[in-house]
C-alpha atoms as a PDB file:
ATOM      1  CA  UNK A   1      -4.766  29.518   9.932  1.00  0.00           C
ATOM      2  CA  UNK A   2      -1.216  28.232  10.205  1.00  0.00           C
ATOM      3  CA  UNK A   3       0.252  24.924   8.958  1.00  0.00           C
ATOM      4  CA  UNK A   4       0.619  22.464  11.991  1.00  0.00           C
ATOM      5  CA  UNK A   5       3.856  21.078  10.786  1.00  0.00           C
ATOM      6  CA  UNK A   6       5.795  24.350   9.976  1.00  0.00           C
ATOM      7  CA  UNK A   7       3.710  27.267  11.087  1.00  0.00           C
ATOM      8  CA  UNK A   8       3.764  28.821   7.610  1.00  0.00           C
ATOM      9  CA  UNK A   9       0.404  30.210   6.088  1.00  0.00           C
ATOM     10  CA  UNK A  10      -1.740  27.390   4.991  1.00  0.00           C
ATOM     11  CA  UNK A  11      -2.679  26.990   1.471  1.00  0.00           C
ATOM     12  CA  UNK A  12      -6.417  26.345   0.630  1.00  0.00           C
ATOM     13  CA  UNK A  13      -5.179  23.465  -1.646  1.00  0.00           C
ATOM     14  CA  UNK A  14      -3.824  21.509   1.155  1.00  0.00           C
ATOM     15  CA  UNK A  15      -5.593  22.939   4.278  1.00  0.00           C
ATOM     16  CA  UNK A  16      -4.885  23.013   6.975  1.00  0.00           C
ATOM     17  CA  UNK A  17      -1.296  22.418   5.644  1.00  0.00           C
ATOM     18  CA  UNK A  18       0.856  24.704   3.459  1.00  0.00           C
ATOM     19  CA  UNK A  19       2.033  22.140   0.950  1.00  0.00           C
ATOM     20  CA  UNK A  20       1.760  18.824  -0.059  1.00  0.00           C
ATOM     21  CA  UNK A  21       5.201  18.097   1.924  1.00  0.00           C
ATOM     22  CA  UNK A  22       3.869  19.130   4.896  1.00  0.00           C
ATOM     23  CA  UNK A  23       0.492  17.025   4.602  1.00  0.00           C
ATOM     24  CA  UNK A  24       2.649  14.063   3.698  1.00  0.00           C
ATOM     25  CA  UNK A  25       4.663  14.622   6.694  1.00  0.00           C
ATOM     26  CA  UNK A  26       1.554  14.605   8.937  1.00  0.00           C
ATOM     27  CA  UNK A  27       0.508  11.386   7.091  1.00  0.00           C
ATOM     28  CA  UNK A  28       3.791   9.723   7.675  1.00  0.00           C
ATOM     29  CA  UNK A  29       3.630  10.451  11.305  1.00  0.00           C
ATOM     30  CA  UNK A  30      -0.055   9.037  11.691  1.00  0.00           C
ATOM     31  CA  UNK A  31       1.253   5.620   9.621  1.00  0.00           C
ATOM     32  CA  UNK A  32       4.090   5.355  11.784  1.00  0.00           C
ATOM     33  CA  UNK A  33       2.279   5.406  15.221  1.00  0.00           C
ATOM     34  CA  UNK A  34       3.740   8.776  16.184  1.00  0.00           C
ATOM     35  CA  UNK A  35       0.548  10.272  16.737  1.00  0.00           C
ATOM     36  CA  UNK A  36      -2.057   8.056  18.719  1.00  0.00           C
ATOM     37  CA  UNK A  37      -5.740   8.752  19.967  1.00  0.00           C
ATOM     38  CA  UNK A  38      -6.044   7.584  23.628  1.00  0.00           C
ATOM     39  CA  UNK A  39      -8.715   5.322  24.550  1.00  0.00           C
ATOM     40  CA  UNK A  40     -10.789   5.704  27.751  1.00  0.00           C
ATOM     41  CA  UNK A  41     -11.598   2.117  28.391  1.00  0.00           C
ATOM     42  CA  UNK A  42      -9.183  -0.794  28.861  1.00  0.00           C
ATOM     43  CA  UNK A  43     -11.951  -2.939  26.838  1.00  0.00           C
ATOM     44  CA  UNK A  44     -11.331  -0.674  23.875  1.00  0.00           C
ATOM     45  CA  UNK A  45      -7.157  -1.354  24.139  1.00  0.00           C
ATOM     46  CA  UNK A  46      -7.835  -5.114  24.127  1.00  0.00           C
ATOM     47  CA  UNK A  47     -10.337  -5.283  21.508  1.00  0.00           C
ATOM     48  CA  UNK A  48      -8.126  -2.956  19.105  1.00  0.00           C
ATOM     49  CA  UNK A  49      -5.150  -5.109  20.047  1.00  0.00           C
ATOM     50  CA  UNK A  50      -7.137  -8.342  19.067  1.00  0.00           C
ATOM     51  CA  UNK A  51      -8.267  -6.974  15.766  1.00  0.00           C
ATOM     52  CA  UNK A  52      -4.631  -5.796  15.100  1.00  0.00           C
ATOM     53  CA  UNK A  53      -3.485  -9.223  16.100  1.00  0.00           C
ATOM     54  CA  UNK A  54      -6.066 -10.687  13.507  1.00  0.00           C
ATOM     55  CA  UNK A  55      -5.316  -8.575  10.663  1.00  0.00           C
ATOM     56  CA  UNK A  56      -1.373  -9.417  11.282  1.00  0.00           C
ATOM     57  CA  UNK A  57      -2.282 -13.250  11.183  1.00  0.00           C
ATOM     58  CA  UNK A  58      -4.316 -12.578   7.956  1.00  0.00           C
ATOM     59  CA  UNK A  59      -1.169 -11.092   6.117  1.00  0.00           C
ATOM     60  CA  UNK A  60       0.936 -13.879   7.052  1.00  0.00           C
END
């Protein structure tokens, strides 16, 4: 198996990544919104947007 970030051989300690660095790069991409999971139904998108707005209101 190769690392999905840099294509080097994966390390069992960080599988499927080769290093902590590549694992952190992947996590950063998820947290920044660079990766996304598509929703099939528009209702799912609306519910997610409402939930996100509610969380934002609670933080402020």
